[in-house]
PDB file of all heavy atoms in Angstrom:
ATOM      1  N   ASN A   1      27.444  40.611 -12.092  1.00  0.00           N
ATOM      2  CA  ASN A   1      26.919  40.757 -13.451  1.00  0.00           C
ATOM      3  C   ASN A   1      25.716  41.697 -13.511  1.00  0.00           C
ATOM      4  O   ASN A   1      25.543  42.426 -14.492  1.00  0.00           O
ATOM      5  CB  ASN A   1      26.539  39.393 -14.021  1.00  0.00           C
ATOM      6  CG  ASN A   1      27.742  38.536 -14.329  1.00  0.00           C
ATOM      7  OD1 ASN A   1      28.835  39.048 -14.588  1.00  0.00           O
ATOM      8  ND2 ASN A   1      27.563  37.224 -14.319  1.00  0.00           N
ATOM      9  N   ALA A   2      24.875  41.699 -12.481  1.00  0.00           N
ATOM     10  CA  ALA A   2      23.703  42.557 -12.468  1.00  0.00           C
ATOM     11  C   ALA A   2      24.081  44.033 -12.448  1.00  0.00           C
ATOM     12  O   ALA A   2      23.339  44.873 -12.947  1.00  0.00           O
ATOM     13  CB  ALA A   2      22.808  42.230 -11.275  1.00  0.00           C
ATOM     14  N   LYS A   3      25.236  44.354 -11.863  1.00  0.00           N
ATOM     15  CA  LYS A   3      25.692  45.741 -11.773  1.00  0.00           C
ATOM     16  C   LYS A   3      26.812  46.060 -12.755  1.00  0.00           C
ATOM     17  O   LYS A   3      27.361  47.163 -12.713  1.00  0.00           O
ATOM     18  CB  LYS A   3      26.144  46.053 -10.348  1.00  0.00           C
ATOM     19  CG  LYS A   3      25.029  45.970  -9.317  1.00  0.00           C
ATOM     20  CD  LYS A   3      25.511  46.350  -7.931  1.00  0.00           C
ATOM     21  CE  LYS A   3      24.375  46.299  -6.924  1.00  0.00           C
ATOM     22  NZ  LYS A   3      24.825  46.667  -5.559  1.00  0.00           N
ATOM     23  N   ASN A   4      27.166  45.109 -13.621  1.00  0.00           N
ATOM     24  CA  ASN A   4      28.217  45.308 -14.621  1.00  0.00           C
ATOM     25  C   ASN A   4      29.512  45.798 -13.987  1.00  0.00           C
ATOM     26  O   ASN A   4      30.157  46.729 -14.484  1.00  0.00           O
ATOM     27  CB  ASN A   4      27.748  46.280 -15.706  1.00  0.00           C
ATOM     28  CG  ASN A   4      26.538  45.771 -16.453  1.00  0.00           C
ATOM     29  OD1 ASN A   4      26.512  44.620 -16.887  1.00  0.00           O
ATOM     30  ND2 ASN A   4      25.535  46.621 -16.616  1.00  0.00           N
ATOM     31  N   THR A   5      29.893  45.152 -12.899  1.00  0.00           N
ATOM     32  CA  THR A   5      31.027  45.592 -12.099  1.00  0.00           C
ATOM     33  C   THR A   5      31.982  44.431 -11.838  1.00  0.00           C
ATOM     34  O   THR A   5      31.549  43.304 -11.578  1.00  0.00           O
ATOM     35  CB  THR A   5      30.553  46.173 -10.763  1.00  0.00           C
ATOM     36  OG1 THR A   5      29.660  47.263 -11.004  1.00  0.00           O
ATOM     37  CG2 THR A   5      31.728  46.668  -9.935  1.00  0.00           C
ATOM     38  N   VAL A   6      33.282  44.717 -11.892  1.00  0.00           N
ATOM     39  CA  VAL A   6      34.308  43.759 -11.519  1.00  0.00           C
ATOM     40  C   VAL A   6      35.146  44.362 -10.398  1.00  0.00           C
ATOM     41  O   VAL A   6      35.377  45.578 -10.365  1.00  0.00           O
ATOM     42  CB  VAL A   6      35.183  43.364 -12.733  1.00  0.00           C
ATOM     43  CG1 VAL A   6      35.944  44.562 -13.278  1.00  0.00           C
ATOM     44  CG2 VAL A   6      36.135  42.232 -12.367  1.00  0.00           C
ATOM     45  N   PHE A   7      35.590  43.513  -9.465  1.00  0.00           N
ATOM     46  CA  PHE A   7      36.356  43.949  -8.308  1.00  0.00           C
ATOM     47  C   PHE A   7      37.711  43.251  -8.277  1.00  0.00           C
ATOM     48  O   PHE A   7      37.874  42.149  -8.797  1.00  0.00           O
ATOM     49  CB  PHE A   7      35.622  43.618  -7.004  1.00  0.00           C
ATOM     50  CG  PHE A   7      34.231  44.168  -6.919  1.00  0.00           C
ATOM     51  CD1 PHE A   7      33.141  43.387  -7.261  1.00  0.00           C
ATOM     52  CD2 PHE A   7      34.000  45.460  -6.493  1.00  0.00           C
ATOM     53  CE1 PHE A   7      31.851  43.875  -7.183  1.00  0.00           C
ATOM     54  CE2 PHE A   7      32.717  45.975  -6.410  1.00  0.00           C
ATOM     55  CZ  PHE A   7      31.646  45.183  -6.755  1.00  0.00           C
ATOM     56  N   LEU A   8      38.671  43.901  -7.648  1.00  0.00           N
ATOM     57  CA  LEU A   8      39.965  43.287  -7.365  1.00  0.00           C
ATOM     58  C   LEU A   8      40.324  43.590  -5.918  1.00  0.00           C
ATOM     59  O   LEU A   8      40.621  44.738  -5.579  1.00  0.00           O
ATOM     60  CB  LEU A   8      41.049  43.812  -8.310  1.00  0.00           C
ATOM     61  CG  LEU A   8      42.423  43.175  -8.126  1.00  0.00           C
ATOM     62  CD1 LEU A   8      42.402  41.705  -8.559  1.00  0.00           C
ATOM     63  CD2 LEU A   8      43.492  43.935  -8.913  1.00  0.00           C
ATOM     64  N   GLN A   9      40.286  42.559  -5.067  1.00  0.00           N
ATOM     65  CA  GLN A   9      40.702  42.684  -3.677  1.00  0.00           C
ATOM     66  C   GLN A   9      42.188  42.376  -3.593  1.00  0.00           C
ATOM     67  O   GLN A   9      42.615  41.284  -3.969  1.00  0.00           O
ATOM     68  CB  GLN A   9      39.907  41.730  -2.786  1.00  0.00           C
ATOM     69  CG  GLN A   9      40.290  41.770  -1.312  1.00  0.00           C
ATOM     70  CD  GLN A   9      39.931  43.074  -0.647  1.00  0.00           C
ATOM     71  OE1 GLN A   9      38.838  43.595  -0.858  1.00  0.00           O
ATOM     72  NE2 GLN A   9      40.837  43.603   0.156  1.00  0.00           N
ATOM     73  N   MET A  10      42.968  43.320  -3.096  1.00  0.00           N
ATOM     74  CA  MET A  10      44.414  43.185  -3.017  1.00  0.00           C
ATOM     75  C   MET A  10      44.834  43.230  -1.552  1.00  0.00           C
ATOM     76  O   MET A  10      44.638  44.246  -0.878  1.00  0.00           O
ATOM     77  CB  MET A  10      45.112  44.295  -3.810  1.00  0.00           C
ATOM     78  CG  MET A  10      44.680  44.371  -5.269  1.00  0.00           C
ATOM     79  SD  MET A  10      45.646  45.570  -6.232  1.00  0.00           S
ATOM     80  CE  MET A  10      45.117  47.093  -5.431  1.00  0.00           C
ATOM     81  N   ASN A  11      45.412  42.128  -1.062  1.00  0.00           N
ATOM     82  CA  ASN A  11      45.846  42.016   0.325  1.00  0.00           C
ATOM     83  C   ASN A  11      47.359  41.890   0.409  1.00  0.00           C
ATOM     84  O   ASN A  11      48.019  41.462  -0.538  1.00  0.00           O
ATOM     85  CB  ASN A  11      45.190  40.805   0.993  1.00  0.00           C
ATOM     86  CG  ASN A  11      43.684  40.906   1.062  1.00  0.00           C
ATOM     87  OD1 ASN A  11      43.128  41.987   1.225  1.00  0.00           O
ATOM     88  ND2 ASN A  11      43.005  39.762   0.960  1.00  0.00           N
ATOM     89  N   VAL A  12      47.903  42.224   1.562  1.00  0.00           N
ATOM     90  CA  VAL A  12      49.339  42.130   1.843  1.00  0.00           C
ATOM     91  C   VAL A  12      50.127  42.794   0.711  1.00  0.00           C
ATOM     92  O   VAL A  12      51.010  42.186   0.092  1.00  0.00           O
ATOM     93  CB  VAL A  12      49.783  40.667   2.049  1.00  0.00           C
ATOM     94  CG1 VAL A  12      51.147  40.628   2.749  1.00  0.00           C
ATOM     95  CG2 VAL A  12      48.767  39.892   2.879  1.00  0.00           C
ATOM     96  N   LEU A  13      49.801  44.037   0.442  1.00  0.00           N
ATOM     97  CA  LEU A  13      50.433  44.753  -0.661  1.00  0.00           C
ATOM     98  C   LEU A  13      51.910  45.005  -0.388  1.00  0.00           C
ATOM     99  O   LEU A  13      52.328  45.222   0.753  1.00  0.00           O
ATOM    100  CB  LEU A  13      49.711  46.069  -0.912  1.00  0.00           C
ATOM    101  CG  LEU A  13      48.367  45.923  -1.631  1.00  0.00           C
ATOM    102  CD1 LEU A  13      47.529  47.183  -1.477  1.00  0.00           C
ATOM    103  CD2 LEU A  13      48.599  45.610  -3.109  1.00  0.00           C
ATOM    104  N   GLU A  14      52.698  44.964  -1.441  1.00  0.00           N
ATOM    105  CA  GLU A  14      54.138  45.151  -1.394  1.00  0.00           C
ATOM    106  C   GLU A  14      54.531  46.323  -2.284  1.00  0.00           C
ATOM    107  O   GLU A  14      53.793  46.682  -3.199  1.00  0.00           O
ATOM    108  CB  GLU A  14      54.854  43.881  -1.866  1.00  0.00           C
ATOM    109  CG  GLU A  14      54.480  42.638  -1.086  1.00  0.00           C
ATOM    110  CD  GLU A  14      55.011  41.369  -1.721  1.00  0.00           C
ATOM    111  OE1 GLU A  14      55.510  41.438  -2.858  1.00  0.00           O
ATOM    112  OE2 GLU A  14      54.937  40.312  -1.067  1.00  0.00           O
ATOM    113  N   PRO A  15      55.703  46.937  -2.037  1.00  0.00           N
ATOM    114  CA  PRO A  15      56.136  48.029  -2.918  1.00  0.00           C
ATOM    115  C   PRO A  15      56.175  47.639  -4.396  1.00  0.00           C
ATOM    116  O   PRO A  15      55.939  48.488  -5.256  1.00  0.00           O
ATOM    117  CB  PRO A  15      57.534  48.361  -2.390  1.00  0.00           C
ATOM    118  CG  PRO A  15      57.465  47.996  -0.944  1.00  0.00           C
ATOM    119  CD  PRO A  15      56.598  46.773  -0.886  1.00  0.00           C
ATOM    120  N   GLU A  16      56.442  46.368  -4.681  1.00  0.00           N
ATOM    121  CA  GLU A  16      56.488  45.886  -6.062  1.00  0.00           C
ATOM    122  C   GLU A  16      55.119  45.907  -6.736  1.00  0.00           C
ATOM    123  O   GLU A  16      55.044  45.777  -7.970  1.00  0.00           O
ATOM    124  CB  GLU A  16      57.070  44.476  -6.116  1.00  0.00           C
ATOM    125  CG  GLU A  16      58.552  44.386  -5.763  1.00  0.00           C
ATOM    126  CD  GLU A  16      58.827  44.540  -4.275  1.00  0.00           C
ATOM    127  OE1 GLU A  16      57.900  44.346  -3.465  1.00  0.00           O
ATOM    128  OE2 GLU A  16      59.984  44.860  -3.914  1.00  0.00           O
ATOM    129  N   ASP A  17      54.036  46.064  -5.968  1.00  0.00           N
ATOM    130  CA  ASP A  17      52.694  46.163  -6.534  1.00  0.00           C
ATOM    131  C   ASP A  17      52.371  47.571  -7.026  1.00  0.00           C
ATOM    132  O   ASP A  17      51.303  47.781  -7.612  1.00  0.00           O
ATOM    133  CB  ASP A  17      51.645  45.739  -5.504  1.00  0.00           C
ATOM    134  CG  ASP A  17      51.777  44.282  -5.100  1.00  0.00           C
ATOM    135  OD1 ASP A  17      51.979  43.433  -5.994  1.00  0.00           O
ATOM    136  OD2 ASP A  17      51.672  43.990  -3.889  1.00  0.00           O
ATOM    137  N   THR A  18      53.239  48.527  -6.782  1.00  0.00           N
ATOM    138  CA  THR A  18      53.014  49.897  -7.230  1.00  0.00           C
ATOM    139  C   THR A  18      52.906  49.946  -8.753  1.00  0.00           C
ATOM    140  O   THR A  18      53.814  49.508  -9.458  1.00  0.00           O
ATOM    141  CB  THR A  18      54.148  50.811  -6.758  1.00  0.00           C
ATOM    142  OG1 THR A  18      54.142  50.873  -5.332  1.00  0.00           O
ATOM    143  CG2 THR A  18      53.979  52.219  -7.311  1.00  0.00           C
ATOM    144  N   ALA A  19      51.787  50.470  -9.258  1.00  0.00           N
ATOM    145  CA  ALA A  19      51.534  50.506 -10.691  1.00  0.00           C
ATOM    146  C   ALA A  19      50.220  51.235 -10.948  1.00  0.00           C
ATOM    147  O   ALA A  19      49.450  51.504 -10.026  1.00  0.00           O
ATOM    148  CB  ALA A  19      51.451  49.089 -11.272  1.00  0.00           C
ATOM    149  N   VAL A  20      49.957  51.532 -12.220  1.00  0.00           N
ATOM    150  CA  VAL A  20      48.632  51.941 -12.651  1.00  0.00           C
ATOM    151  C   VAL A  20      47.868  50.676 -13.026  1.00  0.00           C
ATOM    152  O   VAL A  20      48.351  49.868 -13.822  1.00  0.00           O
ATOM    153  CB  VAL A  20      48.684  52.916 -13.836  1.00  0.00           C
ATOM    154  CG1 VAL A  20      47.281  53.257 -14.312  1.00  0.00           C
ATOM    155  CG2 VAL A  20      49.431  54.180 -13.436  1.00  0.00           C
ATOM    156  N   TYR A  21      46.693  50.495 -12.449  1.00  0.00           N
ATOM    157  CA  TYR A  21      45.877  49.315 -12.682  1.00  0.00           C
ATOM    158  C   TYR A  21      44.751  49.661 -13.654  1.00  0.00           C
ATOM    159  O   TYR A  21      43.999  50.609 -13.427  1.00  0.00           O
ATOM    160  CB  TYR A  21      45.307  48.786 -11.363  1.00  0.00           C
ATOM    161  CG  TYR A  21      46.335  48.071 -10.520  1.00  0.00           C
ATOM    162  CD1 TYR A  21      47.351  48.780  -9.885  1.00  0.00           C
ATOM    163  CD2 TYR A  21      46.305  46.689 -10.376  1.00  0.00           C
ATOM    164  CE1 TYR A  21      48.313  48.127  -9.130  1.00  0.00           C
ATOM    165  CE2 TYR A  21      47.262  46.031  -9.621  1.00  0.00           C
ATOM    166  CZ  TYR A  21      48.262  46.752  -9.003  1.00  0.00           C
ATOM    167  OH  TYR A  21      49.212  46.098  -8.254  1.00  0.00           O
ATOM    168  N   TYR A  22      44.637  48.883 -14.729  1.00  0.00           N
ATOM    169  CA  TYR A  22      43.679  49.135 -15.795  1.00  0.00           C
ATOM    170  C   TYR A  22      42.614  48.046 -15.838  1.00  0.00           C
ATOM    171  O   TYR A  22      42.932  46.856 -15.736  1.00  0.00           O
ATOM    172  CB  TYR A  22      44.368  49.181 -17.157  1.00  0.00           C
ATOM    173  CG  TYR A  22      45.345  50.317 -17.326  1.00  0.00           C
ATOM    174  CD1 TYR A  22      46.692  50.150 -17.040  1.00  0.00           C
ATOM    175  CD2 TYR A  22      44.915  51.565 -17.781  1.00  0.00           C
ATOM    176  CE1 TYR A  22      47.590  51.185 -17.196  1.00  0.00           C
ATOM    177  CE2 TYR A  22      45.811  52.602 -17.946  1.00  0.00           C
ATOM    178  CZ  TYR A  22      47.149  52.411 -17.652  1.00  0.00           C
ATOM    179  OH  TYR A  22      48.043  53.438 -17.816  1.00  0.00           O
ATOM    180  N   CYS A  23      41.372  48.455 -16.033  1.00  0.00           N
ATOM    181  CA  CYS A  23      40.261  47.538 -16.236  1.00  0.00           C
ATOM    182  C   CYS A  23      40.068  47.293 -17.731  1.00  0.00           C
ATOM    183  O   CYS A  23      40.210  48.214 -18.540  1.00  0.00           O
ATOM    184  CB  CYS A  23      38.988  48.125 -15.623  1.00  0.00           C
ATOM    185  SG  CYS A  23      37.528  47.082 -15.736  1.00  0.00           S
ATOM    186  N   ASN A  24      39.737  46.064 -18.089  1.00  0.00           N
ATOM    187  CA  ASN A  24      39.524  45.665 -19.476  1.00  0.00           C
ATOM    188  C   ASN A  24      38.243  44.851 -19.568  1.00  0.00           C
ATOM    189  O   ASN A  24      37.931  44.076 -18.667  1.00  0.00           O
ATOM    190  CB  ASN A  24      40.721  44.837 -19.957  1.00  0.00           C
ATOM    191  CG  ASN A  24      40.503  44.214 -21.318  1.00  0.00           C
ATOM    192  OD1 ASN A  24      39.995  43.105 -21.425  1.00  0.00           O
ATOM    193  ND2 ASN A  24      40.901  44.937 -22.361  1.00  0.00           N
ATOM    194  N   ALA A  25      37.491  45.024 -20.672  1.00  0.00           N
ATOM    195  CA  ALA A  25      36.266  44.256 -20.863  1.00  0.00           C
ATOM    196  C   ALA A  25      36.046  43.948 -22.327  1.00  0.00           C
ATOM    197  O   ALA A  25      36.391  44.751 -23.200  1.00  0.00           O
ATOM    198  CB  ALA A  25      35.059  45.009 -20.302  1.00  0.00           C
TER     199      ALA A  25
END
């Protein structure tokens, strides 16, 4: 919150995870 930042840690990625990832606030 102090840095106004959100993270997404993605592990064991699969071909089905292929996409454009969008941030929303």
